[in-house]
N, C-alpha and C. Protein backbone atom coordinates (compact mmCIF):
# COMPACT_ATOMS: atom_id res chain seq x y z
N ASP A 1 0.83 -1.21 0.00
CA ASP A 1 0.00 0.00 0.00
C ASP A 1 0.87 1.27 0.00
N SER A 2 1.92 1.25 0.83
CA SER A 2 2.77 2.44 0.89
C SER A 2 3.46 2.69 -0.45
N ALA A 3 3.88 1.61 -1.13
CA ALA A 3 4.52 1.77 -2.44
C ALA A 3 3.52 2.30 -3.47
N LYS A 4 2.29 1.81 -3.41
CA LYS A 4 1.25 2.27 -4.35
C LYS A 4 0.94 3.75 -4.12
N ALA A 5 0.82 4.16 -2.86
CA ALA A 5 0.54 5.56 -2.54
C ALA A 5 1.73 6.45 -2.95
N GLN A 6 2.94 5.95 -2.73
CA GLN A 6 4.13 6.73 -3.11
C GLN A 6 4.21 6.89 -4.63
N GLN A 7 3.75 5.89 -5.36
CA GLN A 7 3.73 5.98 -6.83
C GLN A 7 2.79 7.12 -7.28
N VAL A 8 1.66 7.27 -6.60
CA VAL A 8 0.73 8.37 -6.90
C VAL A 8 1.43 9.71 -6.68
N VAL A 9 2.13 9.83 -5.56
CA VAL A 9 2.85 11.06 -5.24
C VAL A 9 3.90 11.36 -6.31
N GLU A 10 4.66 10.34 -6.69
CA GLU A 10 5.73 10.53 -7.68
C GLU A 10 5.19 10.87 -9.06
N GLN A 11 3.99 10.40 -9.39
CA GLN A 11 3.37 10.78 -10.67
C GLN A 11 2.82 12.19 -10.60
N ALA A 12 2.35 12.59 -9.44
CA ALA A 12 1.72 13.91 -9.29
C ALA A 12 2.74 15.05 -9.25
N ARG A 13 3.83 14.86 -8.52
CA ARG A 13 4.79 15.97 -8.30
C ARG A 13 5.20 16.68 -9.58
N PRO A 14 5.74 15.98 -10.59
CA PRO A 14 6.17 16.72 -11.79
C PRO A 14 5.01 17.37 -12.54
N ALA A 15 3.86 16.74 -12.52
CA ALA A 15 2.69 17.30 -13.22
C ALA A 15 2.18 18.56 -12.55
N LEU A 16 2.36 18.65 -11.23
CA LEU A 16 1.86 19.80 -10.48
C LEU A 16 2.83 20.97 -10.47
N GLU A 17 4.09 20.75 -10.77
CA GLU A 17 5.12 21.79 -10.67
C GLU A 17 4.72 23.08 -11.40
N LYS A 18 4.18 22.95 -12.59
CA LYS A 18 3.84 24.15 -13.38
C LYS A 18 2.78 25.01 -12.69
N TYR A 19 1.99 24.39 -11.79
CA TYR A 19 0.93 25.13 -11.12
C TYR A 19 1.41 25.91 -9.90
N ARG A 20 2.72 25.86 -9.63
CA ARG A 20 3.25 26.71 -8.56
C ARG A 20 2.93 28.17 -8.89
N ASP A 21 2.89 28.48 -10.20
CA ASP A 21 2.39 29.78 -10.66
C ASP A 21 0.88 29.62 -10.84
N TYR A 22 0.11 30.16 -9.91
CA TYR A 22 -1.34 29.96 -9.93
C TYR A 22 -1.98 30.48 -11.21
N LYS A 23 -1.32 31.41 -11.90
CA LYS A 23 -1.89 31.95 -13.15
C LYS A 23 -1.92 30.87 -14.23
N VAL A 24 -0.97 29.95 -14.19
CA VAL A 24 -0.97 28.82 -15.13
C VAL A 24 -2.21 27.96 -14.88
N ALA A 25 -2.52 27.73 -13.61
CA ALA A 25 -3.72 26.96 -13.27
C ALA A 25 -4.97 27.64 -13.82
N LEU A 26 -5.07 28.94 -13.62
CA LEU A 26 -6.24 29.68 -14.13
C LEU A 26 -6.30 29.60 -15.66
N ASP A 27 -5.14 29.74 -16.31
CA ASP A 27 -5.09 29.66 -17.78
C ASP A 27 -5.51 28.29 -18.29
N GLU A 28 -5.30 27.24 -17.48
CA GLU A 28 -5.62 25.88 -17.90
C GLU A 28 -6.99 25.41 -17.42
N GLY A 29 -7.84 26.33 -16.99
CA GLY A 29 -9.22 25.98 -16.69
C GLY A 29 -9.55 25.73 -15.23
N PHE A 30 -8.59 25.90 -14.32
CA PHE A 30 -8.90 25.79 -12.90
C PHE A 30 -9.57 27.09 -12.45
N ARG A 31 -10.60 26.97 -11.61
CA ARG A 31 -11.34 28.13 -11.11
C ARG A 31 -11.34 28.12 -9.59
N ILE A 32 -11.16 29.30 -8.99
CA ILE A 32 -11.10 29.40 -7.53
C ILE A 32 -12.49 29.20 -6.95
N PHE A 33 -12.61 28.23 -6.03
CA PHE A 33 -13.87 27.97 -5.34
C PHE A 33 -14.02 28.98 -4.21
N LEU A 34 -15.11 29.75 -4.23
CA LEU A 34 -15.40 30.81 -3.26
C LEU A 34 -14.23 31.78 -3.11
N PRO A 35 -13.83 32.45 -4.19
CA PRO A 35 -12.64 33.32 -4.15
C PRO A 35 -12.75 34.50 -3.19
N ASN A 36 -13.96 34.98 -2.91
CA ASN A 36 -14.13 36.16 -2.06
C ASN A 36 -14.33 35.83 -0.59
N VAL A 37 -14.28 34.54 -0.26
CA VAL A 37 -14.44 34.11 1.13
C VAL A 37 -13.05 33.80 1.69
N PRO A 38 -12.63 34.48 2.77
CA PRO A 38 -11.32 34.19 3.36
C PRO A 38 -11.26 32.72 3.81
N GLN A 39 -10.20 32.04 3.39
CA GLN A 39 -10.05 30.62 3.68
C GLN A 39 -8.60 30.32 4.04
N LYS A 40 -8.40 29.28 4.83
CA LYS A 40 -7.04 28.82 5.14
C LYS A 40 -6.43 28.17 3.90
N MET A 41 -7.26 27.45 3.15
CA MET A 41 -6.82 26.72 1.97
C MET A 41 -7.84 26.95 0.85
N TYR A 42 -7.36 27.41 -0.29
CA TYR A 42 -8.23 27.65 -1.44
C TYR A 42 -8.15 26.47 -2.40
N HIS A 43 -9.32 26.06 -2.89
CA HIS A 43 -9.40 24.99 -3.88
C HIS A 43 -9.58 25.64 -5.26
N PHE A 44 -8.65 25.39 -6.17
CA PHE A 44 -8.78 25.80 -7.56
C PHE A 44 -9.25 24.54 -8.28
N THR A 45 -10.50 24.54 -8.75
CA THR A 45 -11.13 23.33 -9.29
C THR A 45 -11.20 23.36 -10.81
N ASN A 46 -10.88 22.20 -11.39
CA ASN A 46 -11.01 22.01 -12.83
C ASN A 46 -12.18 21.05 -13.04
N TYR A 47 -13.30 21.56 -13.51
CA TYR A 47 -14.51 20.76 -13.61
C TYR A 47 -14.41 19.67 -14.67
N GLN A 48 -13.57 19.87 -15.70
CA GLN A 48 -13.35 18.79 -16.68
C GLN A 48 -12.61 17.62 -16.02
N ASN A 49 -11.60 17.95 -15.19
CA ASN A 49 -10.90 16.88 -14.47
C ASN A 49 -11.86 16.17 -13.51
N ALA A 50 -12.75 16.93 -12.88
CA ALA A 50 -13.71 16.34 -11.94
C ALA A 50 -14.60 15.32 -12.65
N ILE A 51 -15.05 15.65 -13.84
CA ILE A 51 -15.88 14.72 -14.61
C ILE A 51 -15.06 13.49 -14.98
N GLY A 52 -13.81 13.71 -15.37
CA GLY A 52 -12.93 12.60 -15.72
C GLY A 52 -12.70 11.64 -14.57
N GLU A 53 -12.66 12.16 -13.33
CA GLU A 53 -12.43 11.32 -12.16
C GLU A 53 -13.53 10.27 -11.98
N ALA A 54 -14.69 10.49 -12.57
CA ALA A 54 -15.78 9.50 -12.48
C ALA A 54 -15.44 8.24 -13.28
N PHE A 55 -14.51 8.37 -14.25
CA PHE A 55 -14.22 7.27 -15.16
C PHE A 55 -12.80 6.74 -15.07
N ARG A 56 -11.88 7.54 -14.53
CA ARG A 56 -10.48 7.14 -14.46
C ARG A 56 -9.82 7.86 -13.29
N PHE A 57 -8.64 7.35 -12.89
CA PHE A 57 -7.84 8.03 -11.89
C PHE A 57 -6.49 8.34 -12.49
N ASP A 58 -6.16 9.63 -12.55
CA ASP A 58 -4.88 10.07 -13.10
C ASP A 58 -4.25 11.04 -12.12
N PRO A 59 -3.18 10.65 -11.43
CA PRO A 59 -2.55 11.54 -10.46
C PRO A 59 -2.10 12.87 -11.05
N ALA A 60 -1.89 12.93 -12.36
CA ALA A 60 -1.46 14.16 -13.01
C ALA A 60 -2.62 15.11 -13.31
N LYS A 61 -3.86 14.65 -13.07
CA LYS A 61 -5.04 15.46 -13.38
C LYS A 61 -5.98 15.54 -12.17
N PRO A 62 -5.58 16.25 -11.11
CA PRO A 62 -6.44 16.34 -9.92
C PRO A 62 -7.69 17.16 -10.20
N THR A 63 -8.71 16.90 -9.41
CA THR A 63 -9.93 17.71 -9.49
C THR A 63 -9.64 19.14 -9.06
N SER A 64 -8.87 19.29 -7.98
CA SER A 64 -8.55 20.62 -7.47
C SER A 64 -7.09 20.72 -7.09
N LEU A 65 -6.57 21.94 -7.21
CA LEU A 65 -5.25 22.28 -6.69
C LEU A 65 -5.49 23.03 -5.38
N LEU A 66 -4.62 22.82 -4.39
CA LEU A 66 -4.79 23.43 -3.08
C LEU A 66 -3.73 24.51 -2.88
N TYR A 67 -4.20 25.71 -2.54
CA TYR A 67 -3.30 26.85 -2.37
C TYR A 67 -3.54 27.54 -1.04
N GLU A 68 -2.46 28.11 -0.50
CA GLU A 68 -2.56 29.05 0.62
C GLU A 68 -2.35 30.43 0.03
N LYS A 69 -3.13 31.40 0.48
CA LYS A 69 -3.02 32.76 -0.05
C LYS A 69 -2.01 33.56 0.76
N ASN A 70 -1.11 34.20 0.05
CA ASN A 70 -0.11 35.08 0.66
C ASN A 70 -0.23 36.44 -0.01
N GLY A 71 -0.96 37.38 0.61
CA GLY A 71 -1.20 38.68 -0.02
C GLY A 71 -2.03 38.49 -1.27
N ASP A 72 -1.48 38.93 -2.40
CA ASP A 72 -2.17 38.76 -3.68
C ASP A 72 -1.71 37.50 -4.42
N ASP A 73 -0.80 36.77 -3.81
CA ASP A 73 -0.25 35.58 -4.44
C ASP A 73 -0.81 34.32 -3.78
N TYR A 74 -0.69 33.20 -4.48
CA TYR A 74 -1.13 31.91 -3.95
C TYR A 74 0.05 30.95 -3.99
N LYS A 75 0.23 30.18 -2.91
CA LYS A 75 1.29 29.18 -2.82
C LYS A 75 0.67 27.79 -2.93
N LEU A 76 1.12 27.03 -3.94
CA LEU A 76 0.62 25.67 -4.15
C LEU A 76 1.11 24.77 -3.02
N ILE A 77 0.18 24.06 -2.37
CA ILE A 77 0.56 23.14 -1.29
C ILE A 77 0.12 21.70 -1.55
N GLY A 78 -0.82 21.50 -2.49
CA GLY A 78 -1.27 20.14 -2.72
C GLY A 78 -2.33 20.01 -3.79
N ALA A 79 -2.99 18.85 -3.76
CA ALA A 79 -4.01 18.55 -4.75
C ALA A 79 -5.13 17.74 -4.09
N MET A 80 -6.31 17.80 -4.70
CA MET A 80 -7.44 17.02 -4.23
C MET A 80 -7.93 16.15 -5.38
N TYR A 81 -8.20 14.87 -5.06
CA TYR A 81 -8.75 13.94 -6.02
C TYR A 81 -10.15 13.56 -5.56
N THR A 82 -11.01 13.23 -6.51
CA THR A 82 -12.39 12.89 -6.20
C THR A 82 -12.76 11.55 -6.82
N ALA A 83 -13.87 11.01 -6.33
CA ALA A 83 -14.45 9.78 -6.87
C ALA A 83 -15.96 9.87 -6.67
N PRO A 84 -16.71 9.19 -7.51
CA PRO A 84 -18.17 9.24 -7.39
C PRO A 84 -18.66 8.70 -6.04
N VAL A 85 -19.76 9.25 -5.57
CA VAL A 85 -20.34 8.84 -4.29
C VAL A 85 -20.69 7.36 -4.27
N ARG A 86 -20.96 6.78 -5.43
CA ARG A 86 -21.35 5.36 -5.52
C ARG A 86 -20.18 4.41 -5.32
N PHE A 87 -18.95 4.91 -5.31
CA PHE A 87 -17.78 4.05 -5.21
C PHE A 87 -17.76 3.29 -3.88
N SER A 88 -17.37 2.03 -3.96
CA SER A 88 -17.20 1.20 -2.77
C SER A 88 -15.82 1.47 -2.16
N GLU A 89 -15.63 0.96 -0.95
CA GLU A 89 -14.31 1.07 -0.32
C GLU A 89 -13.25 0.41 -1.18
N GLN A 90 -13.59 -0.71 -1.81
CA GLN A 90 -12.62 -1.41 -2.67
C GLN A 90 -12.20 -0.53 -3.84
N GLN A 91 -13.16 0.17 -4.45
CA GLN A 91 -12.83 1.04 -5.58
C GLN A 91 -11.98 2.23 -5.12
N LEU A 92 -12.28 2.79 -3.96
CA LEU A 92 -11.45 3.88 -3.42
C LEU A 92 -10.04 3.37 -3.13
N ASN A 93 -9.97 2.19 -2.54
CA ASN A 93 -8.69 1.58 -2.18
C ASN A 93 -7.82 1.34 -3.41
N GLU A 94 -8.46 1.03 -4.56
CA GLU A 94 -7.71 0.81 -5.80
C GLU A 94 -7.05 2.10 -6.27
N ARG A 95 -7.65 3.25 -5.98
CA ARG A 95 -7.08 4.54 -6.38
C ARG A 95 -5.95 4.94 -5.44
N ILE A 96 -6.26 5.08 -4.17
CA ILE A 96 -5.26 5.40 -3.14
C ILE A 96 -5.63 4.56 -1.92
N PRO A 97 -4.74 3.70 -1.47
CA PRO A 97 -5.07 2.75 -0.41
C PRO A 97 -5.59 3.40 0.88
N LEU A 98 -6.64 2.79 1.41
CA LEU A 98 -7.27 3.29 2.64
C LEU A 98 -6.35 3.14 3.86
N SER A 99 -5.36 2.30 3.76
CA SER A 99 -4.41 2.19 4.87
C SER A 99 -3.46 3.39 4.92
N MET A 100 -3.44 4.18 3.84
CA MET A 100 -2.53 5.32 3.75
C MET A 100 -3.25 6.66 3.95
N THR A 101 -4.53 6.71 3.66
CA THR A 101 -5.26 7.97 3.75
C THR A 101 -6.73 7.68 4.00
N GLN A 102 -7.48 8.71 4.29
CA GLN A 102 -8.92 8.58 4.46
C GLN A 102 -9.63 9.36 3.36
N TRP A 103 -10.29 8.65 2.48
CA TRP A 103 -11.21 9.30 1.56
C TRP A 103 -12.37 9.78 2.43
N HIS A 104 -12.94 10.92 2.11
CA HIS A 104 -14.04 11.44 2.92
C HIS A 104 -15.08 12.11 2.04
N GLN A 105 -16.25 12.31 2.63
CA GLN A 105 -17.35 13.06 2.01
C GLN A 105 -17.82 14.10 3.00
N HIS A 106 -18.35 15.17 2.47
CA HIS A 106 -19.09 16.12 3.31
C HIS A 106 -20.53 15.62 3.28
N VAL A 107 -21.09 15.39 4.44
CA VAL A 107 -22.42 14.80 4.52
C VAL A 107 -23.34 15.66 5.38
N ASN A 108 -24.66 15.45 5.19
CA ASN A 108 -25.70 16.07 6.00
C ASN A 108 -25.61 17.60 6.02
N MET A 109 -25.56 18.20 4.83
CA MET A 109 -25.48 19.65 4.72
C MET A 109 -26.87 20.23 4.45
N CYS A 110 -27.14 21.35 5.09
CA CYS A 110 -28.37 22.09 4.84
C CYS A 110 -28.02 23.34 4.04
N LYS A 111 -28.44 23.36 2.79
CA LYS A 111 -28.21 24.51 1.91
C LYS A 111 -29.20 25.60 2.32
N PRO A 112 -28.72 26.84 2.52
CA PRO A 112 -29.63 27.89 2.98
C PRO A 112 -30.69 28.24 1.94
N PRO A 113 -31.82 28.78 2.41
CA PRO A 113 -32.86 29.22 1.46
C PRO A 113 -32.35 30.38 0.61
N LYS A 114 -32.95 30.53 -0.55
CA LYS A 114 -32.59 31.60 -1.47
C LYS A 114 -32.67 32.95 -0.74
N GLY A 115 -31.64 33.75 -0.94
CA GLY A 115 -31.58 35.07 -0.30
C GLY A 115 -30.88 35.05 1.06
N ARG A 116 -30.59 33.84 1.59
CA ARG A 116 -29.94 33.74 2.90
C ARG A 116 -28.58 33.03 2.80
N GLU A 117 -28.01 32.99 1.60
CA GLU A 117 -26.75 32.28 1.36
C GLU A 117 -25.61 32.79 2.25
N ILE A 118 -25.59 34.07 2.52
CA ILE A 118 -24.52 34.66 3.34
C ILE A 118 -24.45 34.02 4.73
N GLU A 119 -25.58 33.50 5.20
CA GLU A 119 -25.61 32.88 6.53
C GLU A 119 -24.70 31.66 6.64
N ALA A 120 -24.41 31.02 5.52
CA ALA A 120 -23.54 29.83 5.52
C ALA A 120 -22.08 30.19 5.76
N LEU A 121 -21.74 31.47 5.66
CA LEU A 121 -20.35 31.90 5.79
C LEU A 121 -20.00 32.40 7.19
N ARG A 122 -20.98 32.49 8.07
CA ARG A 122 -20.72 32.98 9.43
C ARG A 122 -19.95 31.94 10.25
N LYS A 123 -19.23 32.42 11.25
CA LYS A 123 -18.49 31.50 12.14
C LYS A 123 -19.43 30.56 12.89
N ASP A 124 -20.61 31.05 13.27
CA ASP A 124 -21.59 30.22 13.98
C ASP A 124 -22.71 29.78 13.02
N ALA A 125 -22.30 29.41 11.79
CA ALA A 125 -23.25 29.08 10.73
C ALA A 125 -24.18 27.94 11.11
N ARG A 126 -25.42 28.08 10.69
CA ARG A 126 -26.39 27.00 10.83
C ARG A 126 -26.53 26.25 9.51
N PHE A 127 -26.24 26.95 8.39
CA PHE A 127 -26.34 26.38 7.05
C PHE A 127 -24.94 26.13 6.49
N GLY A 128 -24.86 25.32 5.44
CA GLY A 128 -23.61 25.12 4.72
C GLY A 128 -22.74 24.02 5.29
N LEU A 129 -21.51 23.90 4.72
CA LEU A 129 -20.59 22.83 5.08
C LEU A 129 -20.22 22.83 6.56
N ASN A 130 -20.16 23.99 7.17
CA ASN A 130 -19.81 24.08 8.59
C ASN A 130 -21.02 24.34 9.46
N GLY A 131 -22.21 24.19 8.91
CA GLY A 131 -23.44 24.52 9.63
C GLY A 131 -23.80 23.53 10.71
N SER A 132 -24.58 24.01 11.65
CA SER A 132 -25.01 23.17 12.77
C SER A 132 -26.26 22.34 12.44
N ILE A 133 -26.98 22.70 11.39
CA ILE A 133 -28.15 21.92 11.00
C ILE A 133 -27.68 20.69 10.24
N SER A 134 -28.01 19.49 10.73
CA SER A 134 -27.49 18.28 10.09
C SER A 134 -28.55 17.19 9.89
N THR A 135 -29.83 17.55 10.07
CA THR A 135 -30.87 16.56 9.79
C THR A 135 -31.82 17.14 8.75
N GLU A 136 -32.45 16.26 8.00
CA GLU A 136 -33.38 16.68 6.96
C GLU A 136 -34.56 17.44 7.55
N ALA A 137 -35.10 16.97 8.68
CA ALA A 137 -36.26 17.62 9.30
C ALA A 137 -35.91 19.03 9.76
N ALA A 138 -34.77 19.20 10.41
CA ALA A 138 -34.36 20.53 10.89
C ALA A 138 -34.11 21.47 9.72
N CYS A 139 -33.53 20.95 8.66
CA CYS A 139 -33.25 21.76 7.47
C CYS A 139 -34.54 22.24 6.82
N GLU A 140 -35.48 21.32 6.63
CA GLU A 140 -36.76 21.69 6.03
C GLU A 140 -37.52 22.69 6.90
N ALA A 141 -37.43 22.54 8.23
CA ALA A 141 -38.10 23.47 9.14
C ALA A 141 -37.56 24.89 8.99
N GLU A 142 -36.30 25.02 8.57
CA GLU A 142 -35.68 26.34 8.38
C GLU A 142 -35.80 26.83 6.94
N GLY A 143 -36.46 26.04 6.08
CA GLY A 143 -36.65 26.43 4.68
C GLY A 143 -35.47 26.10 3.79
N GLY A 144 -34.52 25.32 4.31
CA GLY A 144 -33.34 24.96 3.53
C GLY A 144 -33.55 23.73 2.67
N THR A 145 -32.52 23.36 1.93
CA THR A 145 -32.53 22.16 1.10
C THR A 145 -31.49 21.20 1.66
N PHE A 146 -31.94 20.02 2.08
CA PHE A 146 -31.04 19.04 2.69
C PHE A 146 -30.28 18.28 1.62
N MET A 147 -28.97 18.12 1.84
CA MET A 147 -28.12 17.36 0.92
C MET A 147 -27.41 16.28 1.73
N PRO A 148 -27.79 15.01 1.55
CA PRO A 148 -27.17 13.94 2.33
C PRO A 148 -25.67 13.81 2.10
N HIS A 149 -25.20 14.19 0.91
CA HIS A 149 -23.76 14.24 0.64
C HIS A 149 -23.51 15.32 -0.40
N VAL A 150 -22.31 15.90 -0.33
CA VAL A 150 -21.94 16.99 -1.23
C VAL A 150 -20.62 16.62 -1.91
N PHE A 151 -20.56 16.67 -3.20
CA PHE A 151 -19.35 16.50 -4.01
C PHE A 151 -18.87 15.06 -4.19
N GLY A 152 -19.36 14.08 -3.49
CA GLY A 152 -18.83 12.73 -3.62
C GLY A 152 -17.61 12.52 -2.72
N TRP A 153 -16.83 11.46 -3.01
CA TRP A 153 -15.63 11.14 -2.23
C TRP A 153 -14.49 12.06 -2.62
N MET A 154 -13.65 12.40 -1.66
CA MET A 154 -12.47 13.22 -1.94
C MET A 154 -11.33 12.88 -1.00
N VAL A 155 -10.12 13.18 -1.47
CA VAL A 155 -8.92 12.98 -0.67
C VAL A 155 -7.93 14.09 -1.03
N HIS A 156 -7.24 14.60 -0.02
CA HIS A 156 -6.22 15.63 -0.23
C HIS A 156 -4.84 14.99 -0.16
N MET A 157 -3.91 15.54 -0.96
CA MET A 157 -2.52 15.09 -0.96
C MET A 157 -1.62 16.32 -0.94
N TYR A 158 -0.59 16.28 -0.11
CA TYR A 158 0.40 17.36 -0.01
C TYR A 158 1.74 16.76 -0.43
N PRO A 159 2.02 16.69 -1.75
CA PRO A 159 3.12 15.88 -2.27
C PRO A 159 4.53 16.34 -1.92
N TRP A 160 4.70 17.57 -1.44
CA TRP A 160 6.04 18.05 -1.12
C TRP A 160 6.36 17.91 0.37
N GLU A 161 5.46 17.31 1.12
CA GLU A 161 5.75 17.03 2.53
C GLU A 161 6.70 15.83 2.61
N LYS A 162 7.26 15.61 3.80
CA LYS A 162 8.34 14.62 3.93
C LYS A 162 7.89 13.21 4.32
N THR A 163 6.84 13.07 5.10
CA THR A 163 6.43 11.74 5.56
C THR A 163 5.06 11.38 4.99
N PRO A 164 4.75 10.09 4.89
CA PRO A 164 3.42 9.70 4.40
C PRO A 164 2.28 10.30 5.23
N ASP A 165 2.47 10.40 6.55
CA ASP A 165 1.42 11.00 7.39
C ASP A 165 1.17 12.46 7.02
N GLU A 166 2.23 13.19 6.67
CA GLU A 166 2.07 14.59 6.27
C GLU A 166 1.53 14.69 4.83
N ILE A 167 1.99 13.81 3.96
CA ILE A 167 1.54 13.82 2.56
C ILE A 167 0.04 13.56 2.47
N TRP A 168 -0.45 12.62 3.28
CA TRP A 168 -1.86 12.22 3.22
C TRP A 168 -2.64 12.72 4.44
N SER A 169 -2.24 13.83 5.02
CA SER A 169 -2.84 14.34 6.25
C SER A 169 -4.33 14.65 6.09
N VAL A 170 -5.12 14.10 6.99
CA VAL A 170 -6.54 14.44 7.06
C VAL A 170 -6.70 15.66 7.96
N GLU A 171 -5.92 15.73 9.02
CA GLU A 171 -6.03 16.82 9.99
C GLU A 171 -5.79 18.18 9.34
N ARG A 172 -4.85 18.25 8.41
CA ARG A 172 -4.51 19.53 7.77
C ARG A 172 -5.72 20.14 7.07
N GLN A 173 -6.52 19.31 6.42
CA GLN A 173 -7.67 19.84 5.70
C GLN A 173 -8.83 20.17 6.63
N LEU A 174 -8.81 19.68 7.84
CA LEU A 174 -9.93 19.89 8.75
C LEU A 174 -9.67 20.96 9.80
N LYS A 175 -8.44 21.43 9.90
CA LYS A 175 -8.07 22.37 10.97
C LYS A 175 -9.00 23.55 11.10
N ASP A 176 -9.42 24.12 9.98
CA ASP A 176 -10.27 25.32 10.06
C ASP A 176 -11.72 25.00 9.76
N LYS A 177 -12.15 23.76 10.00
CA LYS A 177 -13.53 23.39 9.71
C LYS A 177 -14.22 22.81 10.93
N PRO A 178 -14.28 23.54 12.04
CA PRO A 178 -14.97 22.99 13.20
C PRO A 178 -16.44 22.79 12.91
N GLY A 179 -16.95 21.67 13.37
CA GLY A 179 -18.38 21.42 13.21
C GLY A 179 -18.77 20.76 11.91
N SER A 180 -17.83 20.62 10.96
CA SER A 180 -18.21 19.99 9.70
C SER A 180 -18.29 18.49 9.90
N GLU A 181 -19.16 17.86 9.15
CA GLU A 181 -19.32 16.42 9.26
C GLU A 181 -18.73 15.76 8.03
N HIS A 182 -18.10 14.63 8.24
CA HIS A 182 -17.48 13.87 7.16
C HIS A 182 -17.83 12.41 7.33
N GLU A 183 -17.82 11.70 6.22
CA GLU A 183 -17.92 10.25 6.26
C GLU A 183 -16.63 9.75 5.66
N HIS A 184 -15.96 8.82 6.34
CA HIS A 184 -14.66 8.36 5.91
C HIS A 184 -14.75 7.00 5.23
N GLY A 185 -13.90 6.81 4.21
CA GLY A 185 -13.90 5.59 3.41
C GLY A 185 -13.49 4.35 4.18
N ASP A 186 -12.84 4.51 5.32
CA ASP A 186 -12.48 3.32 6.07
C ASP A 186 -13.38 3.12 7.29
N MET A 187 -14.45 3.90 7.36
CA MET A 187 -15.40 3.78 8.46
C MET A 187 -16.80 3.91 7.90
N PRO A 188 -17.30 2.88 7.23
CA PRO A 188 -18.57 3.01 6.52
C PRO A 188 -19.73 3.34 7.46
N GLY A 189 -20.58 4.24 6.98
CA GLY A 189 -21.82 4.53 7.69
C GLY A 189 -21.67 5.42 8.89
N MET A 190 -20.48 5.97 9.15
CA MET A 190 -20.29 6.79 10.34
C MET A 190 -20.14 8.25 9.93
N ASP A 191 -20.79 9.13 10.66
CA ASP A 191 -20.60 10.57 10.50
C ASP A 191 -19.64 10.99 11.58
N HIS A 192 -18.69 11.82 11.25
CA HIS A 192 -17.73 12.29 12.25
C HIS A 192 -17.77 13.81 12.28
N LYS A 193 -17.88 14.37 13.46
CA LYS A 193 -17.77 15.81 13.61
C LYS A 193 -16.33 16.15 13.92
N HIS A 194 -15.82 17.18 13.26
CA HIS A 194 -14.43 17.60 13.48
C HIS A 194 -14.43 19.07 13.82
């Protein structure tokens, strides 16, 4: 498993190098997800790559590039890969072994009602990925739209880190997401609050 995961890292590193200049990423079709919302980590998403991930896994073509913002510049720190929500643990394991990382989903999200989208961005949000509303009944009572899962399976990789634990860190992506719920590929059927 460790050799298989390391092979993914070694295939990704040279392909990602050109994206150290975030303008190259933008020129090649990556778009900043929520660019006007201050974030610890920005996802630059390529929707063509995301569609491709439903049919193949290519370490050189991540769904998203991960950047930290420094003033007006962005520093490339990693990549995110996705898989369809229908994928089994075995299918996820074939892409990147579950013994090396945790594939996860964002689950039980309440999308705010039209005109109240800004409420999802508050620190004490009730709606959105970090919202406190996590049941269909509570969401409907507030006029929201319940989403049992958002985006499908995903995994983050930080290919320039030194150890496998740092390269495949789950904690790094969750540090600034208190209250968000995830379902992990190696723990079927469990919701975890972080």
